[in-house]
Every structure is written in structure tokens, then in C-alpha cells.
Amino acid sequence: MKIKPIVLDKIQTRHTNYVVDLQLDSNVTFVSGDSGTGKSAVYSFLYEYSSEDSRLRCFNYVDHNKDYKDTIKNAKGRLFVIDNADLLLDDDMRQHIALDTENQYIIIGRNPSELMLSQDEILELDSESKDGITTFRLKKMFGGL
């Protein structure tokens, strides 16, 4: 159920020798990929970036016992970045996210079920190193860039 981004269509931030350059083409962007590809590192860079942009809110496994569900359900105009989504999101939260027209999501995990996503919304993290700088971008998992 592809909806255009309602908060941000691009995020660019830099942390030491790492650049995060994410193009967001829909309201829910699911980021998957093998272990060790930098997903959790990108989450930490976005968490750091959220201190500069109040529209971003970040949640991961350490928030499992916190009241993050009410925060998400009662928010408007936020971009939520959720790492370890397979541990954090139950079916009820996945359905809420799939139907939420008030907020935007970057979801990092392995299981996109119950989010009603098209193949264009399920991406993988890609990195490129050049001159000592590693840049992280998103690419389509199914059929190229």
C-alpha cells in the first residue's frame, strides 16, 4: 500500500567517516539485509540525527518494555525509525503502521509481513567505500537499483 512520504523524502547525515544518504519513496520503507551490512550502524546514526530533527523518533530492542506503542499510535507528523522490528512489532502494531496516514516509518528487520508492502517498499542497505568514506544507501531487493 504505497503512500508518498509525508514527513521526509530524503535523509542525509554524516558521522565521522560514514554518510547516510537515504531516498525515501514511500510512507513505509522496510530495510532488510544480511547481518553485518550496517543496518544497526545506520540506525545509530539516525538516532544521533534525531537530536537535530524533532520529527524523527527512534526505537529498538531496548524499548521493548517501554510504552513505545502508545507513542506511535498517538503521534502525528513523525518519522519513526524502528530497528530490530521482528522483536519489537507485533501483528497489531504492524497493522497500525500499514494503515497509518499521519506518520512515516523506516523499519529495519527481516519480516515485512502484515505491513501490506509492495516490492518497491522492501529495500536493502547498500554501502560503498571510497577515499575512506563509507556511504550507506537503499536499493531495491528485487531487480536492481
N, C-alpha and C. Protein backbone atom coordinates (compact mmCIF):
# COMPACT_ATOMS: atom_id res chain seq x y z
N MET A 1 0.85 -1.17 0.00
CA MET A 1 0.00 0.00 0.00
C MET A 1 0.89 1.23 0.00
N LYS A 2 1.40 1.59 -1.14
CA LYS A 2 2.38 2.65 -1.26
C LYS A 2 1.74 4.04 -1.14
N ILE A 3 2.22 4.80 -0.17
CA ILE A 3 1.81 6.18 0.04
C ILE A 3 3.09 7.01 0.01
N LYS A 4 3.03 8.16 -0.65
CA LYS A 4 4.22 9.02 -0.70
C LYS A 4 4.62 9.48 0.70
N PRO A 5 5.92 9.75 0.89
CA PRO A 5 6.39 10.18 2.21
C PRO A 5 5.67 11.44 2.68
N ILE A 6 5.27 11.44 3.93
CA ILE A 6 4.56 12.61 4.45
C ILE A 6 5.41 13.45 5.39
N VAL A 7 6.58 12.96 5.77
CA VAL A 7 7.46 13.73 6.65
C VAL A 7 8.74 14.12 5.91
N LEU A 8 9.49 13.14 5.44
CA LEU A 8 10.75 13.40 4.73
C LEU A 8 10.86 12.48 3.52
N ASP A 9 11.37 13.03 2.43
CA ASP A 9 11.63 12.16 1.27
C ASP A 9 13.11 11.84 1.13
N LYS A 10 13.93 12.45 1.98
CA LYS A 10 15.37 12.19 1.94
C LYS A 10 15.97 12.48 3.31
N ILE A 11 16.90 11.64 3.71
CA ILE A 11 17.67 11.88 4.93
C ILE A 11 19.13 11.79 4.57
N GLN A 12 19.87 12.83 4.92
CA GLN A 12 21.32 12.83 4.73
C GLN A 12 21.96 13.29 6.03
N THR A 13 22.90 12.47 6.50
CA THR A 13 23.63 12.83 7.71
C THR A 13 25.01 12.19 7.63
N ARG A 14 25.93 12.75 8.39
CA ARG A 14 27.29 12.22 8.40
C ARG A 14 27.75 12.02 9.83
N HIS A 15 28.44 10.92 10.04
CA HIS A 15 29.03 10.62 11.35
C HIS A 15 30.46 10.15 11.09
N THR A 16 31.42 10.92 11.48
CA THR A 16 32.85 10.67 11.22
C THR A 16 33.05 10.28 9.75
N ASN A 17 33.43 9.04 9.48
CA ASN A 17 33.71 8.60 8.10
C ASN A 17 32.53 7.86 7.47
N TYR A 18 31.34 8.09 7.98
CA TYR A 18 30.15 7.42 7.47
C TYR A 18 29.12 8.45 7.02
N VAL A 19 28.54 8.20 5.88
CA VAL A 19 27.49 9.06 5.33
C VAL A 19 26.24 8.20 5.17
N VAL A 20 25.12 8.71 5.65
CA VAL A 20 23.83 8.07 5.43
C VAL A 20 23.08 8.94 4.44
N ASP A 21 22.72 8.36 3.31
CA ASP A 21 22.04 9.08 2.22
C ASP A 21 20.85 8.23 1.78
N LEU A 22 19.71 8.45 2.42
CA LEU A 22 18.54 7.62 2.18
C LEU A 22 17.48 8.38 1.40
N GLN A 23 17.09 7.84 0.27
CA GLN A 23 15.97 8.36 -0.52
C GLN A 23 14.73 7.57 -0.09
N LEU A 24 13.71 8.27 0.37
CA LEU A 24 12.50 7.62 0.87
C LEU A 24 11.37 7.89 -0.11
N ASP A 25 10.91 6.85 -0.78
CA ASP A 25 9.91 7.00 -1.83
C ASP A 25 8.50 6.65 -1.38
N SER A 26 8.36 6.14 -0.17
CA SER A 26 7.02 5.81 0.31
C SER A 26 6.94 6.07 1.81
N ASN A 27 5.73 5.99 2.32
CA ASN A 27 5.48 6.29 3.71
C ASN A 27 6.04 5.22 4.65
N VAL A 28 6.12 3.98 4.17
CA VAL A 28 6.73 2.90 4.94
C VAL A 28 7.87 2.33 4.11
N THR A 29 9.07 2.40 4.64
CA THR A 29 10.24 1.83 3.99
C THR A 29 10.76 0.72 4.88
N PHE A 30 10.76 -0.50 4.35
CA PHE A 30 11.24 -1.65 5.10
C PHE A 30 12.66 -1.94 4.62
N VAL A 31 13.62 -1.93 5.56
CA VAL A 31 15.02 -2.17 5.24
C VAL A 31 15.42 -3.54 5.77
N SER A 32 15.85 -4.39 4.86
CA SER A 32 16.26 -5.74 5.22
C SER A 32 17.70 -5.95 4.75
N GLY A 33 18.23 -7.09 5.06
CA GLY A 33 19.58 -7.40 4.61
C GLY A 33 20.27 -8.35 5.56
N ASP A 34 21.37 -8.88 5.08
CA ASP A 34 22.14 -9.83 5.87
C ASP A 34 22.76 -9.16 7.09
N SER A 35 23.10 -9.97 8.06
CA SER A 35 23.82 -9.48 9.23
C SER A 35 25.16 -8.88 8.79
N GLY A 36 25.56 -7.81 9.44
CA GLY A 36 26.85 -7.21 9.15
C GLY A 36 26.85 -6.23 8.00
N THR A 37 25.67 -5.89 7.46
CA THR A 37 25.63 -4.95 6.33
C THR A 37 25.57 -3.50 6.76
N GLY A 38 25.39 -3.26 8.08
CA GLY A 38 25.39 -1.88 8.57
C GLY A 38 24.03 -1.36 9.00
N LYS A 39 23.03 -2.22 9.06
CA LYS A 39 21.68 -1.76 9.42
C LYS A 39 21.65 -1.12 10.81
N SER A 40 22.23 -1.79 11.78
CA SER A 40 22.22 -1.24 13.15
C SER A 40 23.11 0.00 13.25
N ALA A 41 24.17 0.05 12.47
CA ALA A 41 25.01 1.26 12.45
C ALA A 41 24.21 2.44 11.89
N VAL A 42 23.49 2.20 10.81
CA VAL A 42 22.66 3.27 10.23
C VAL A 42 21.60 3.70 11.24
N TYR A 43 21.01 2.73 11.95
CA TYR A 43 20.05 3.10 12.99
C TYR A 43 20.70 4.04 14.00
N SER A 44 21.89 3.71 14.45
CA SER A 44 22.55 4.54 15.47
C SER A 44 22.86 5.94 14.92
N PHE A 45 23.20 6.03 13.64
CA PHE A 45 23.44 7.35 13.04
C PHE A 45 22.14 8.15 12.95
N LEU A 46 21.03 7.46 12.63
CA LEU A 46 19.73 8.14 12.57
C LEU A 46 19.27 8.53 13.97
N TYR A 47 19.57 7.70 14.96
CA TYR A 47 19.25 8.04 16.34
C TYR A 47 19.98 9.32 16.75
N GLU A 48 21.24 9.40 16.39
CA GLU A 48 22.02 10.61 16.67
C GLU A 48 21.43 11.81 15.93
N TYR A 49 21.06 11.61 14.67
CA TYR A 49 20.47 12.67 13.85
C TYR A 49 19.12 13.14 14.43
N SER A 50 18.41 12.26 15.11
CA SER A 50 17.10 12.64 15.66
C SER A 50 17.20 13.75 16.70
N SER A 51 18.39 13.94 17.28
CA SER A 51 18.56 15.06 18.23
C SER A 51 18.56 16.40 17.50
N GLU A 52 18.80 16.39 16.18
CA GLU A 52 18.77 17.61 15.38
C GLU A 52 17.41 17.85 14.73
N ASP A 53 16.64 16.80 14.52
CA ASP A 53 15.35 16.90 13.83
C ASP A 53 14.28 16.26 14.70
N SER A 54 13.44 17.08 15.32
CA SER A 54 12.45 16.58 16.27
C SER A 54 11.35 15.74 15.61
N ARG A 55 11.30 15.71 14.30
CA ARG A 55 10.30 14.88 13.62
C ARG A 55 10.68 13.40 13.67
N LEU A 56 11.96 13.09 13.91
CA LEU A 56 12.41 11.70 13.98
C LEU A 56 12.30 11.17 15.40
N ARG A 57 11.81 9.94 15.51
CA ARG A 57 11.80 9.20 16.77
C ARG A 57 12.33 7.81 16.47
N CYS A 58 13.22 7.33 17.30
CA CYS A 58 13.87 6.04 17.06
C CYS A 58 13.57 5.06 18.19
N PHE A 59 13.27 3.82 17.80
CA PHE A 59 13.01 2.76 18.76
C PHE A 59 13.78 1.51 18.34
N ASN A 60 14.27 0.76 19.33
CA ASN A 60 14.89 -0.54 19.05
C ASN A 60 14.60 -1.49 20.21
N TYR A 61 15.31 -2.60 20.26
CA TYR A 61 15.03 -3.65 21.23
C TYR A 61 15.08 -3.17 22.68
N VAL A 62 15.86 -2.14 22.99
CA VAL A 62 15.92 -1.66 24.38
C VAL A 62 14.61 -1.00 24.79
N ASP A 63 13.76 -0.67 23.83
CA ASP A 63 12.47 -0.05 24.12
C ASP A 63 11.35 -1.08 24.26
N HIS A 64 11.70 -2.36 24.22
CA HIS A 64 10.71 -3.43 24.23
C HIS A 64 9.73 -3.34 25.40
N ASN A 65 10.20 -2.97 26.55
CA ASN A 65 9.33 -2.89 27.73
C ASN A 65 8.82 -1.48 28.01
N LYS A 66 9.08 -0.56 27.11
CA LYS A 66 8.61 0.81 27.29
C LYS A 66 7.29 1.00 26.56
N ASP A 67 6.69 2.15 26.73
CA ASP A 67 5.37 2.42 26.16
C ASP A 67 5.49 3.02 24.76
N TYR A 68 6.32 2.43 23.92
CA TYR A 68 6.53 2.95 22.57
C TYR A 68 5.28 2.82 21.70
N LYS A 69 4.43 1.83 21.96
CA LYS A 69 3.23 1.62 21.14
C LYS A 69 2.29 2.81 21.23
N ASP A 70 2.05 3.31 22.44
CA ASP A 70 1.19 4.48 22.59
C ASP A 70 1.83 5.72 21.96
N THR A 71 3.13 5.83 22.07
CA THR A 71 3.83 6.96 21.45
C THR A 71 3.58 6.95 19.95
N ILE A 72 3.70 5.80 19.33
CA ILE A 72 3.48 5.69 17.88
C ILE A 72 2.01 5.93 17.54
N LYS A 73 1.11 5.30 18.28
CA LYS A 73 -0.32 5.39 17.96
C LYS A 73 -0.88 6.79 18.16
N ASN A 74 -0.28 7.59 19.03
CA ASN A 74 -0.80 8.93 19.32
C ASN A 74 -0.05 10.05 18.59
N ALA A 75 0.90 9.70 17.76
CA ALA A 75 1.73 10.71 17.10
C ALA A 75 1.14 11.16 15.78
N LYS A 76 1.55 12.36 15.38
CA LYS A 76 1.22 12.91 14.05
C LYS A 76 2.43 13.66 13.54
N GLY A 77 2.76 13.44 12.27
CA GLY A 77 3.85 14.18 11.66
C GLY A 77 5.24 13.74 12.08
N ARG A 78 5.39 12.48 12.43
CA ARG A 78 6.69 11.95 12.86
C ARG A 78 7.20 10.93 11.85
N LEU A 79 8.51 10.78 11.83
CA LEU A 79 9.13 9.69 11.10
C LEU A 79 9.73 8.78 12.16
N PHE A 80 9.18 7.58 12.25
CA PHE A 80 9.67 6.60 13.22
C PHE A 80 10.67 5.67 12.55
N VAL A 81 11.81 5.50 13.20
CA VAL A 81 12.83 4.56 12.75
C VAL A 81 12.82 3.43 13.78
N ILE A 82 12.52 2.22 13.30
CA ILE A 82 12.38 1.08 14.20
C ILE A 82 13.39 0.02 13.81
N ASP A 83 14.36 -0.22 14.68
CA ASP A 83 15.37 -1.26 14.46
C ASP A 83 14.94 -2.52 15.19
N ASN A 84 15.39 -3.66 14.72
CA ASN A 84 15.01 -4.95 15.30
C ASN A 84 13.49 -5.10 15.33
N ALA A 85 12.85 -4.73 14.23
CA ALA A 85 11.39 -4.73 14.16
C ALA A 85 10.80 -6.11 14.39
N ASP A 86 11.52 -7.16 14.05
CA ASP A 86 11.00 -8.51 14.25
C ASP A 86 10.78 -8.79 15.74
N LEU A 87 11.56 -8.17 16.60
CA LEU A 87 11.40 -8.34 18.04
C LEU A 87 10.40 -7.33 18.61
N LEU A 88 10.32 -6.17 18.02
CA LEU A 88 9.57 -5.07 18.60
C LEU A 88 8.12 -4.99 18.16
N LEU A 89 7.82 -5.35 16.92
CA LEU A 89 6.48 -5.14 16.38
C LEU A 89 5.64 -6.41 16.37
N ASP A 90 4.53 -6.37 17.08
CA ASP A 90 3.58 -7.48 17.00
C ASP A 90 2.63 -7.22 15.82
N ASP A 91 1.74 -8.15 15.56
CA ASP A 91 0.83 -8.02 14.41
C ASP A 91 -0.06 -6.78 14.51
N ASP A 92 -0.51 -6.45 15.72
CA ASP A 92 -1.34 -5.26 15.92
C ASP A 92 -0.59 -3.98 15.52
N MET A 93 0.66 -3.87 15.93
CA MET A 93 1.46 -2.69 15.58
C MET A 93 1.76 -2.65 14.08
N ARG A 94 2.02 -3.80 13.50
CA ARG A 94 2.28 -3.86 12.05
C ARG A 94 1.05 -3.39 11.27
N GLN A 95 -0.13 -3.81 11.70
CA GLN A 95 -1.35 -3.36 11.02
C GLN A 95 -1.58 -1.87 11.22
N HIS A 96 -1.29 -1.38 12.42
CA HIS A 96 -1.42 0.07 12.66
C HIS A 96 -0.50 0.85 11.71
N ILE A 97 0.74 0.42 11.62
CA ILE A 97 1.71 1.09 10.76
C ILE A 97 1.26 1.05 9.30
N ALA A 98 0.76 -0.10 8.86
CA ALA A 98 0.33 -0.25 7.46
C ALA A 98 -0.79 0.72 7.11
N LEU A 99 -1.63 1.05 8.07
CA LEU A 99 -2.78 1.92 7.81
C LEU A 99 -2.60 3.36 8.28
N ASP A 100 -1.47 3.66 8.88
CA ASP A 100 -1.21 4.99 9.44
C ASP A 100 -0.95 6.00 8.33
N THR A 101 -1.79 7.02 8.24
CA THR A 101 -1.61 8.08 7.24
C THR A 101 -1.10 9.37 7.88
N GLU A 102 -0.78 9.32 9.17
CA GLU A 102 -0.32 10.50 9.89
C GLU A 102 1.19 10.55 10.10
N ASN A 103 1.86 9.40 9.94
CA ASN A 103 3.28 9.30 10.24
C ASN A 103 3.99 8.52 9.14
N GLN A 104 5.29 8.52 9.21
CA GLN A 104 6.14 7.81 8.24
C GLN A 104 7.06 6.87 9.00
N TYR A 105 7.52 5.80 8.33
CA TYR A 105 8.29 4.78 9.01
C TYR A 105 9.47 4.29 8.18
N ILE A 106 10.59 4.08 8.86
CA ILE A 106 11.70 3.28 8.35
C ILE A 106 11.79 2.10 9.30
N ILE A 107 11.55 0.92 8.79
CA ILE A 107 11.51 -0.28 9.63
C ILE A 107 12.65 -1.18 9.22
N ILE A 108 13.50 -1.53 10.17
CA ILE A 108 14.66 -2.37 9.92
C ILE A 108 14.39 -3.75 10.51
N GLY A 109 14.39 -4.76 9.66
CA GLY A 109 14.11 -6.10 10.13
C GLY A 109 14.24 -7.12 9.03
N ARG A 110 13.69 -8.30 9.26
CA ARG A 110 13.74 -9.38 8.27
C ARG A 110 12.37 -9.82 7.80
N ASN A 111 11.32 -9.50 8.59
CA ASN A 111 9.99 -10.00 8.30
C ASN A 111 9.03 -8.83 8.02
N PRO A 112 8.70 -8.58 6.75
CA PRO A 112 7.79 -7.48 6.43
C PRO A 112 6.31 -7.85 6.46
N SER A 113 5.97 -9.03 7.00
CA SER A 113 4.57 -9.47 6.97
C SER A 113 3.67 -8.51 7.75
N GLU A 114 2.41 -8.48 7.36
CA GLU A 114 1.35 -7.67 7.95
C GLU A 114 1.52 -6.17 7.72
N LEU A 115 2.52 -5.75 6.94
CA LEU A 115 2.72 -4.33 6.67
C LEU A 115 2.13 -3.91 5.32
N MET A 116 1.61 -4.86 4.56
CA MET A 116 0.97 -4.60 3.27
C MET A 116 1.89 -3.82 2.33
N LEU A 117 3.11 -4.26 2.18
CA LEU A 117 4.10 -3.55 1.38
C LEU A 117 4.22 -4.16 -0.01
N SER A 118 4.55 -3.31 -0.97
CA SER A 118 4.88 -3.78 -2.31
C SER A 118 6.39 -4.06 -2.34
N GLN A 119 6.83 -4.69 -3.41
CA GLN A 119 8.27 -4.96 -3.54
C GLN A 119 9.09 -3.69 -3.58
N ASP A 120 8.51 -2.58 -4.04
CA ASP A 120 9.23 -1.30 -4.10
C ASP A 120 9.48 -0.71 -2.72
N GLU A 121 8.77 -1.21 -1.72
CA GLU A 121 8.91 -0.67 -0.37
C GLU A 121 9.80 -1.53 0.51
N ILE A 122 10.24 -2.67 -0.02
CA ILE A 122 11.15 -3.56 0.72
C ILE A 122 12.53 -3.40 0.10
N LEU A 123 13.42 -2.75 0.82
CA LEU A 123 14.74 -2.40 0.30
C LEU A 123 15.83 -3.06 1.13
N GLU A 124 17.03 -3.01 0.60
CA GLU A 124 18.17 -3.48 1.37
C GLU A 124 19.20 -2.37 1.44
N LEU A 125 20.01 -2.44 2.48
CA LEU A 125 21.04 -1.45 2.68
C LEU A 125 22.23 -1.77 1.80
N ASP A 126 22.73 -0.76 1.13
CA ASP A 126 23.89 -0.90 0.26
C ASP A 126 24.95 0.07 0.76
N SER A 127 26.20 -0.33 0.74
CA SER A 127 27.27 0.57 1.17
C SER A 127 28.36 0.61 0.12
N GLU A 128 28.98 1.75 0.05
CA GLU A 128 30.09 1.96 -0.88
C GLU A 128 31.18 2.72 -0.13
N SER A 129 32.41 2.23 -0.22
CA SER A 129 33.54 2.90 0.42
C SER A 129 34.43 3.52 -0.64
N LYS A 130 34.74 4.79 -0.43
CA LYS A 130 35.61 5.50 -1.37
C LYS A 130 36.37 6.57 -0.60
N ASP A 131 37.69 6.56 -0.76
CA ASP A 131 38.56 7.55 -0.11
C ASP A 131 38.35 7.60 1.41
N GLY A 132 38.13 6.44 2.03
CA GLY A 132 37.99 6.38 3.47
C GLY A 132 36.61 6.74 3.99
N ILE A 133 35.66 7.01 3.11
CA ILE A 133 34.29 7.36 3.50
C ILE A 133 33.36 6.23 3.06
N THR A 134 32.55 5.75 3.98
CA THR A 134 31.55 4.74 3.65
C THR A 134 30.18 5.40 3.58
N THR A 135 29.53 5.23 2.44
CA THR A 135 28.21 5.81 2.23
C THR A 135 27.17 4.69 2.20
N PHE A 136 26.12 4.88 2.98
CA PHE A 136 25.01 3.92 3.03
C PHE A 136 23.83 4.48 2.24
N ARG A 137 23.29 3.65 1.36
CA ARG A 137 22.11 4.00 0.57
C ARG A 137 21.15 2.81 0.57
N LEU A 138 19.96 3.04 0.08
CA LEU A 138 18.97 1.97 -0.06
C LEU A 138 18.89 1.55 -1.51
N LYS A 139 18.69 0.24 -1.72
CA LYS A 139 18.48 -0.25 -3.08
C LYS A 139 17.38 -1.29 -3.05
N LYS A 140 16.74 -1.45 -4.18
CA LYS A 140 15.67 -2.44 -4.29
C LYS A 140 16.23 -3.84 -4.12
N MET A 141 15.51 -4.65 -3.38
CA MET A 141 15.93 -6.04 -3.18
C MET A 141 15.62 -6.89 -4.39
N PHE A 142 14.55 -6.55 -5.08
CA PHE A 142 14.06 -7.37 -6.18
C PHE A 142 14.29 -6.65 -7.50
N GLY A 143 15.36 -7.00 -8.19
CA GLY A 143 15.57 -6.48 -9.53
C GLY A 143 16.30 -5.17 -9.67
N GLY A 144 17.43 -5.02 -9.01
CA GLY A 144 18.31 -3.90 -9.31
C GLY A 144 18.07 -2.67 -8.47
N LEU A 145 18.56 -1.52 -8.99
CA LEU A 145 18.50 -0.26 -8.26
C LEU A 145 17.23 0.49 -8.51
